[in-house]
Protein backbone atom coordinates (compact mmCIF):
# COMPACT_ATOMS: atom_id res chain seq x y z
CA UNK A 1 180.16 144.24 129.83
CA UNK A 2 179.25 140.58 129.60
CA UNK A 3 176.33 138.50 130.72
CA UNK A 4 176.81 135.66 133.23
CA UNK A 5 173.25 134.59 133.93
CA UNK A 6 169.77 135.37 132.61
CA UNK A 7 166.38 134.66 134.18
CA UNK A 8 163.35 135.28 131.95
CA UNK A 9 159.82 134.85 133.19
CA UNK A 10 156.51 135.27 131.35
CA UNK A 11 158.06 137.14 128.41
CA UNK A 12 156.90 136.53 124.81
CA UNK A 13 157.51 132.83 124.00
CA UNK A 14 159.32 132.18 127.31
CA UNK A 15 157.47 130.81 130.34
CA UNK A 16 160.23 130.57 132.95
CA UNK A 17 163.85 129.82 132.11
CA UNK A 18 167.31 130.40 133.64
CA UNK A 19 170.28 130.46 131.27
CA UNK A 20 173.98 130.36 132.20
CA UNK A 21 176.68 131.77 129.94
CA UNK A 22 179.69 130.38 131.82
CA UNK A 23 181.83 127.29 131.33
CA UNK A 24 182.55 124.51 133.80
CA UNK A 25 185.15 126.69 135.55
CA UNK A 26 182.77 129.63 135.96
CA UNK A 27 184.35 131.74 133.23
CA UNK A 28 182.11 133.52 130.73
CA UNK A 29 182.20 131.81 127.35
CA UNK A 30 183.33 134.08 124.49
CA UNK A 31 180.54 132.63 122.34
CA UNK A 32 177.24 130.94 123.19
CA UNK A 33 174.83 129.42 120.66
CA UNK A 34 171.12 129.11 121.46
CA UNK A 35 169.59 126.47 119.18
CA UNK A 36 165.98 125.44 118.76
CA UNK A 37 163.13 125.12 116.28
CA UNK A 38 160.94 128.01 115.15
CA UNK A 39 158.77 129.26 117.99
CA UNK A 40 161.02 127.90 120.73
CA UNK A 41 161.89 131.36 122.03
CA UNK A 42 165.33 132.02 120.55
CA UNK A 43 164.54 135.56 119.41
CA UNK A 44 162.55 136.18 122.60
CA UNK A 45 165.72 135.54 124.61
CA UNK A 46 167.67 138.14 122.63
CA UNK A 47 164.81 140.64 122.89
CA UNK A 48 164.67 140.05 126.64
CA UNK A 49 168.35 140.87 127.00
CA UNK A 50 167.99 144.07 124.98
CA UNK A 51 164.90 145.14 126.95
CA UNK A 52 166.51 144.44 130.34
CA UNK A 53 169.54 146.48 129.29
CA UNK A 54 167.49 149.36 127.89
CA UNK A 55 168.72 151.40 130.84
CA UNK A 56 172.11 151.50 129.10
CA UNK A 57 170.56 153.76 126.46
CA UNK A 58 170.82 151.19 123.67
CA UNK A 59 167.37 150.72 122.16
CA UNK A 60 167.56 149.61 118.52
CA UNK A 61 164.58 150.09 116.24
CA UNK A 62 164.73 146.40 115.33
CA UNK A 63 163.51 145.53 118.84
CA UNK A 64 160.01 147.01 119.28
CA UNK A 65 159.10 148.79 122.49
CA UNK A 66 157.36 146.41 124.91
CA UNK A 67 153.59 146.14 125.04
CA UNK A 68 150.91 143.90 126.54
CA UNK A 69 151.59 141.54 123.64
CA UNK A 70 154.99 140.75 125.17
CA UNK A 71 153.43 139.29 128.31
CA UNK A 72 153.20 135.55 127.82
CA UNK A 73 149.62 134.41 127.40
CA UNK A 74 148.27 137.65 125.98
CA UNK A 75 145.05 137.00 124.11
CA UNK A 76 142.66 138.85 121.83
CA UNK A 77 139.20 139.67 123.06
CA UNK A 78 136.50 142.13 122.06
CA UNK A 79 138.25 144.92 123.93
CA UNK A 80 141.66 144.35 122.37
CA UNK A 81 144.83 142.60 123.51
CA UNK A 82 144.83 141.81 127.22
CA UNK A 83 147.00 139.62 129.42
CA UNK A 84 145.42 136.36 130.58
CA UNK A 85 145.68 137.10 134.28
CA UNK A 86 145.09 140.41 135.96
CA UNK A 87 148.28 142.15 137.03
CA UNK A 88 150.33 139.65 135.02
CA UNK A 89 153.88 140.85 134.37
CA UNK A 90 156.95 139.85 132.42
CA UNK A 91 160.35 140.00 134.09
CA UNK A 92 163.97 139.69 133.03
CA UNK A 93 166.86 139.51 135.47
CA UNK A 94 170.38 139.70 134.13
CA UNK A 95 173.74 139.36 135.88
CA UNK A 96 176.49 141.39 134.20
CA UNK A 97 180.24 141.16 134.67
CA UNK A 98 182.85 143.81 133.85
CA UNK A 99 186.45 143.12 132.93
CA UNK A 100 189.16 144.58 135.18
CA UNK A 101 190.42 146.84 132.40
CA UNK A 102 186.85 147.97 131.74
CA UNK A 103 186.28 148.87 135.39
CA UNK A 104 189.40 151.03 135.44
CA UNK A 105 188.33 152.72 132.21
CA UNK A 106 184.82 153.44 133.56
CA UNK A 107 186.33 155.01 136.66
CA UNK A 108 188.39 157.29 134.40
CA UNK A 109 185.24 158.22 132.47
CA UNK A 110 183.38 159.43 135.56
CA UNK A 111 186.47 161.18 136.87
CA UNK A 112 186.62 163.06 133.58
CA UNK A 113 182.91 163.91 133.65
CA UNK A 114 183.19 165.19 137.20
CA UNK A 115 185.45 167.96 135.89
CA UNK A 116 182.75 169.27 133.57
CA UNK A 117 180.59 172.15 134.87
CA UNK A 118 177.08 171.21 135.98
CA UNK A 119 177.45 167.58 134.98
CA UNK A 120 175.53 165.14 137.16
CA UNK A 121 177.74 162.38 138.48
CA UNK A 122 176.67 158.80 139.20
CA UNK A 123 177.99 157.00 142.23
CA UNK A 124 180.13 154.00 141.48
CA UNK A 125 179.91 151.55 144.38
CA UNK A 126 182.78 149.07 144.51
CA UNK A 127 182.27 145.80 142.66
CA UNK A 128 184.29 143.17 144.56
CA UNK A 129 182.90 140.46 142.28
CA UNK A 130 182.92 142.75 139.22
CA UNK A 131 179.20 142.07 138.75
CA UNK A 132 175.85 143.84 138.96
CA UNK A 133 172.35 142.34 138.78
CA UNK A 134 169.55 144.21 136.99
CA UNK A 135 165.87 143.30 137.07
CA UNK A 136 163.39 144.69 134.53
CA UNK A 137 159.64 144.15 134.67
CA UNK A 138 156.80 145.03 132.34
CA UNK A 139 154.52 146.78 133.01
CA UNK A 140 156.71 148.86 135.28
CA UNK A 141 155.52 149.65 138.78
CA UNK A 142 154.35 153.27 139.20
CA UNK A 143 156.09 155.82 141.38
CA UNK A 144 154.67 156.25 144.91
CA UNK A 145 152.79 159.33 143.70
CA UNK A 146 151.12 157.34 140.93
CA UNK A 147 153.19 158.63 138.01
CA UNK A 148 154.00 155.97 135.44
CA UNK A 149 157.61 154.97 134.97
CA UNK A 150 159.04 154.66 131.43
CA UNK A 151 159.19 151.12 130.01
CA UNK A 152 162.99 150.99 130.31
CA UNK A 153 162.88 151.62 134.08
CA UNK A 154 164.88 149.14 136.14
CA UNK A 155 162.86 147.49 138.90
CA UNK A 156 165.94 146.71 141.01
CA UNK A 157 169.71 146.77 140.83
CA UNK A 158 172.40 145.21 143.03
CA UNK A 159 174.47 146.65 144.47
CA UNK A 160 172.27 149.63 145.16
CA UNK A 161 173.15 152.94 143.47
CA UNK A 162 175.00 151.05 140.72
CA UNK A 163 173.23 152.66 137.75
CA UNK A 164 176.47 154.42 136.85
CA UNK A 165 177.95 151.05 135.94
CA UNK A 166 175.01 150.07 133.74
CA UNK A 167 175.05 153.43 131.95
CA UNK A 168 178.80 153.49 131.48
CA UNK A 169 178.81 153.12 127.68
CA UNK A 170 176.62 156.17 127.13
CA UNK A 171 178.66 158.14 129.65
CA UNK A 172 181.86 157.07 127.87
CA UNK A 173 180.67 158.28 124.47
CA UNK A 174 179.62 161.59 126.00
CA UNK A 175 182.98 161.94 127.78
CA UNK A 176 184.78 161.24 124.50
CA UNK A 177 182.81 163.93 122.67
CA UNK A 178 183.57 166.34 125.50
CA UNK A 179 187.27 165.46 125.12
CA UNK A 180 187.77 164.53 128.77
CA UNK A 181 189.03 160.98 128.04
CA UNK A 182 191.51 159.46 125.60
CA UNK A 183 190.71 157.05 122.79
CA UNK A 184 192.25 154.12 124.68
CA UNK A 185 189.69 154.63 127.46
CA UNK A 186 186.83 154.78 124.96
CA UNK A 187 187.96 151.49 123.42
CA UNK A 188 187.87 149.66 126.76
CA UNK A 189 184.25 150.35 127.81
CA UNK A 190 181.77 147.85 126.46
CA UNK A 191 178.11 148.10 125.56
CA UNK A 192 175.57 146.01 123.68
CA UNK A 193 174.94 145.49 119.96
CA UNK A 194 172.09 143.55 118.37
CA UNK A 195 171.96 142.13 114.84
CA UNK A 196 168.38 141.16 113.92
CA UNK A 197 167.31 138.47 111.52
CA UNK A 198 168.04 139.51 107.96
CA UNK A 199 164.53 140.26 106.80
CA UNK A 200 165.64 143.62 105.44
CA UNK A 201 169.27 142.83 104.75
CA UNK A 202 169.63 144.69 101.46
CA UNK A 203 167.92 147.80 102.80
CA UNK A 204 170.04 147.92 105.96
CA UNK A 205 173.30 147.21 104.17
CA UNK A 206 172.96 149.19 100.97
CA UNK A 207 170.58 152.02 101.79
CA UNK A 208 170.49 154.40 98.85
CA UNK A 209 173.73 152.90 97.60
CA UNK A 210 171.67 150.32 95.72
CA UNK A 211 171.20 151.45 92.10
CA UNK A 212 167.63 152.41 91.19
CA UNK A 213 167.32 149.64 88.62
CA UNK A 214 168.42 147.10 91.25
CA UNK A 215 166.14 148.26 94.06
CA UNK A 216 163.06 146.15 93.40
CA UNK A 217 160.17 145.97 95.83
CA UNK A 218 162.35 145.24 98.86
CA UNK A 219 163.60 148.84 99.00
CA UNK A 220 160.38 150.79 99.13
CA UNK A 221 161.78 152.86 102.00
CA UNK A 222 165.59 152.67 101.86
CA UNK A 223 167.80 153.60 104.76
CA UNK A 224 169.18 157.06 104.25
CA UNK A 225 172.87 157.28 103.39
CA UNK A 226 174.34 160.09 105.46
CA UNK A 227 177.89 160.93 106.32
CA UNK A 228 179.40 160.06 109.67
CA UNK A 229 179.58 163.78 110.49
CA UNK A 230 175.89 164.24 109.73
CA UNK A 231 175.08 161.24 111.88
CA UNK A 232 176.89 162.75 114.87
CA UNK A 233 175.07 166.06 114.40
CA UNK A 234 171.69 164.30 114.19
CA UNK A 235 171.64 161.59 116.87
CA UNK A 236 167.94 161.01 116.24
CA UNK A 237 168.57 160.05 112.60
CA UNK A 238 168.39 156.52 111.21
CA UNK A 239 171.21 154.05 111.65
CA UNK A 240 173.89 154.47 109.02
CA UNK A 241 173.86 151.95 106.20
CA UNK A 242 176.90 149.72 105.79
CA UNK A 243 177.47 151.46 102.44
CA UNK A 244 178.01 154.77 104.29
CA UNK A 245 180.21 153.21 106.97
CA UNK A 246 182.51 151.65 104.39
CA UNK A 247 182.68 154.92 102.48
CA UNK A 248 183.68 156.70 105.70
CA UNK A 249 186.37 154.10 106.45
CA UNK A 250 187.86 154.51 102.98
CA UNK A 251 188.14 158.28 103.30
CA UNK A 252 191.86 158.77 103.87
CA UNK A 253 191.22 162.24 105.30
CA UNK A 254 189.72 160.68 108.45
CA UNK A 255 192.69 158.38 109.05
CA UNK A 256 195.63 160.39 107.71
CA UNK A 257 198.96 159.88 109.50
CA UNK A 258 197.57 157.20 111.82
CA UNK A 259 199.32 153.90 112.60
CA UNK A 260 197.87 150.78 111.00
CA UNK A 261 196.18 149.65 114.22
CA UNK A 262 194.07 152.83 114.19
CA UNK A 263 192.90 152.47 110.58
CA UNK A 264 189.58 150.69 111.03
CA UNK A 265 189.22 149.76 107.34
CA UNK A 266 192.15 147.37 107.75
CA UNK A 267 190.30 145.64 110.58
CA UNK A 268 187.23 145.27 108.37
CA UNK A 269 189.33 143.77 105.59
CA UNK A 270 191.05 141.33 107.95
CA UNK A 271 187.81 140.21 109.57
CA UNK A 272 186.07 139.74 106.21
CA UNK A 273 188.99 137.67 104.88
CA UNK A 274 188.89 135.28 107.85
CA UNK A 275 185.45 134.10 106.78
CA UNK A 276 185.26 134.76 103.04
CA UNK A 277 188.77 134.08 101.72
CA UNK A 278 189.82 133.91 98.92
CA UNK A 279 187.32 136.73 98.42
CA UNK A 280 188.54 140.10 99.70
CA UNK A 281 187.03 143.46 100.60
CA UNK A 282 189.25 146.05 98.88
CA UNK A 283 187.59 149.34 99.82
CA UNK A 284 185.55 152.13 98.25
CA UNK A 285 186.35 152.46 94.55
CA UNK A 286 185.34 154.94 91.84
CA UNK A 287 185.08 154.09 88.14
CA UNK A 288 184.30 156.95 85.70
CA UNK A 289 181.82 154.84 83.72
CA UNK A 290 180.66 151.90 85.83
CA UNK A 291 180.77 153.46 89.31
CA UNK A 292 180.85 157.25 88.84
CA UNK A 293 179.68 157.85 92.41
CA UNK A 294 181.85 155.11 93.84
CA UNK A 295 180.95 152.01 95.83
CA UNK A 296 182.50 149.55 98.30
CA UNK A 297 184.12 146.81 96.21
CA UNK A 298 185.21 143.20 96.56
CA UNK A 299 187.71 141.08 94.69
CA UNK A 300 187.48 137.41 93.80
CA UNK A 301 190.50 136.24 91.83
CA UNK A 302 190.87 138.77 89.02
CA UNK A 303 187.26 140.02 89.25
CA UNK A 304 186.32 143.22 91.05
CA UNK A 305 182.64 143.85 91.80
CA UNK A 306 180.67 146.41 93.86
CA UNK A 307 178.65 145.88 97.04
CA UNK A 308 175.31 145.65 95.25
CA UNK A 309 176.62 142.68 93.20
CA UNK A 310 177.80 140.78 96.28
CA UNK A 311 176.06 137.59 97.37
CA UNK A 312 173.76 137.71 100.39
CA UNK A 313 176.29 135.77 102.49
CA UNK A 314 178.95 138.36 101.73
CA UNK A 315 176.54 141.13 102.75
CA UNK A 316 175.94 139.40 106.08
CA UNK A 317 179.67 139.16 106.85
CA UNK A 318 180.56 142.68 105.69
CA UNK A 319 177.75 144.06 107.87
CA UNK A 320 179.17 142.36 110.95
CA UNK A 321 182.69 143.54 110.12
CA UNK A 322 181.62 147.12 109.44
CA UNK A 323 179.25 147.69 112.35
CA UNK A 324 181.55 146.07 114.91
CA UNK A 325 184.27 148.56 113.96
CA UNK A 326 182.16 151.74 113.59
CA UNK A 327 182.73 154.41 114.73
CA UNK A 328 185.56 152.54 116.45
CA UNK A 329 186.24 148.87 117.25
CA UNK A 330 183.90 147.44 119.86
CA UNK A 331 185.66 145.79 122.79
CA UNK A 332 184.16 144.22 125.93
CA UNK A 333 180.79 144.31 124.18
CA UNK A 334 177.83 141.97 124.46
CA UNK A 335 176.97 141.18 120.82
CA UNK A 336 173.69 139.44 119.99
CA UNK A 337 173.16 137.90 116.54
CA UNK A 338 169.82 136.40 115.55
CA UNK A 339 170.26 133.48 113.12
CA UNK A 340 173.55 134.47 111.42
CA UNK A 341 173.44 131.24 109.39
CA UNK A 342 170.39 132.28 107.34
CA UNK A 343 172.42 133.23 104.25
CA UNK A 344 175.61 131.24 104.82
CA UNK A 345 177.03 128.05 103.31
CA UNK A 346 178.05 125.46 105.95
CA UNK A 347 181.74 126.15 105.31
CA UNK A 348 181.21 129.85 106.03
CA UNK A 349 179.17 129.02 109.12
CA UNK A 350 182.19 127.12 110.45
CA UNK A 351 184.55 129.98 109.62
CA UNK A 352 182.22 132.56 111.17
CA UNK A 353 181.93 130.52 114.37
CA UNK A 354 185.71 130.39 114.78
CA UNK A 355 186.28 133.99 113.62
CA UNK A 356 183.76 135.95 115.70
CA UNK A 357 185.80 135.88 118.93
CA UNK A 358 188.68 137.47 116.98
CA UNK A 359 186.62 140.58 116.19
CA UNK A 360 187.54 143.16 118.79
CA UNK A 361 188.91 142.30 122.21
CA UNK A 362 187.03 140.68 125.06
CA UNK A 363 183.66 140.59 123.29
CA UNK A 364 180.93 138.10 124.16
CA UNK A 365 178.81 136.73 121.32
CA UNK A 366 175.36 135.20 121.80
CA UNK A 367 173.95 133.61 118.64
CA UNK A 368 170.64 131.93 117.86
CA UNK A 369 170.24 129.26 115.21
CA UNK A 370 168.15 126.46 113.79
CA UNK A 371 171.13 125.26 111.75
CA UNK A 372 172.28 121.75 112.60
CA UNK A 373 175.79 122.75 111.45
CA UNK A 374 176.07 125.57 113.97
CA UNK A 375 174.39 123.52 116.69
CA UNK A 376 176.94 120.72 116.25
CA UNK A 377 179.84 123.19 116.37
CA UNK A 378 178.54 124.69 119.61
CA UNK A 379 177.96 121.27 121.17
CA UNK A 380 181.52 120.26 120.30
CA UNK A 381 182.86 123.40 122.01
CA UNK A 382 180.50 123.07 124.97
CA UNK A 383 178.88 126.43 124.35
CA UNK A 384 175.38 125.25 123.36
CA UNK A 385 172.05 126.14 124.96
CA UNK A 386 169.59 123.64 123.46
CA UNK A 387 165.92 124.65 123.41
CA UNK A 388 164.76 121.47 121.71
CA UNK A 389 165.17 119.28 118.67
CA UNK A 390 165.59 120.91 115.30
C-alpha cells in the first residue's frame, strides 16, 4: 500500500495543499522528503495521512484523536475551543496504490477468511488501475437517522465497496492468526507505520530496560516491557519497547531450525550496519556481574556496550531497524518518519537516506525535515516537497 497523491484542506497547519508522491514517469518514489521550517505543516501532513487511513485499523497513540482543535482556524473564546466558521470541516483525500504481488496476496487473504465459519467477508471490486481513493472529513457527517459516526469513518471511497482493500492489513493479520494463510502471503500485504518525533525516545526505546539509576526525570512513566507472547494475548496493551523486541529476536527458541532469511535479528543487524558501521548490533547479551538480566548490546572496535549506553543517534537507528522487522519484516508498507535527522550526524543522515529503501521490500518512506543536509539530498534525487525556506 503506497500513496500516490494527497489533498489536505483546512487541517491543523494546512490551508489547502495537493501533494504528489510520484516521479516524472508517474511511478511512486520509494522515498519522499518534506522539508520546511517549524510551523510550516510538516507534522500536520503526516498526521493527516494517519487520520485518513484510520479505517485500516492503525491508530498509534502518538497521533492524538482528532478534535475541533484540528480544524484550521480554531480559536479560543469564553465557551472553549470553537472553529472560526460554523460547520467548518477538515478533509483529507488520499489516493493509494497496491503492488501486483500485494493484490494477489490480499485476494488469498479473503479467500482464506471466507472458509472460516461466520466470518464476514468484504467485497473486493477489481482495481484495473490498482488504486483506491479515500476521503476523510472531520467532523464526520451523521448517519441519516442522526447517529454520530466514529471519527475514523470514511466519507467516501472509490471504487465503491472497496473497504476490503483499505482494511487488508488487519484482515491479513487476523487470517495469519487463524492459520488460513502462509507466511509468504502475510509478508506481501502492506500497511502503515508512523515514527513520531523523538520527544520520548529513551522511554519508547528502553522501557523498563533502562537501569533505575539511569532513568532520570524523562522516564517518569516508562513503557512496559512485556514479552511478544504477552503482547499478542493483550492487544490493548502498550506498544512493545525496542528493548523487548530485540530480546525476542535474540531468543533462539523462536527461530530454531529456520533459514537465515527467516531470522529477523540478522535483518536488524544488517540494516543497523548500513548506517552505523563500523559500529555493530550484536544481539542480547548476559553478563553475570554487569548485565545479570541481559541487554541488547553493540560493538565498536573492541568495546561492547549495552543499549542504555548507546548514543541517541544509535537509538534512533536501532528503533527503525527493530520496529520495521517486528513481528515480521514490513513489505509494501507506507512508512512515515517525522524528523529522523534530529539526533543524527550529517554523515549518518546521508547513510540513512540511502539505506531506508533497502529495509524490507517495496516500502514507501515519507520523511519530514528541517535539516539542510537532508533537504539537499532529496533535491538531488528529485524527491523533495519544499514547504518553504529553512
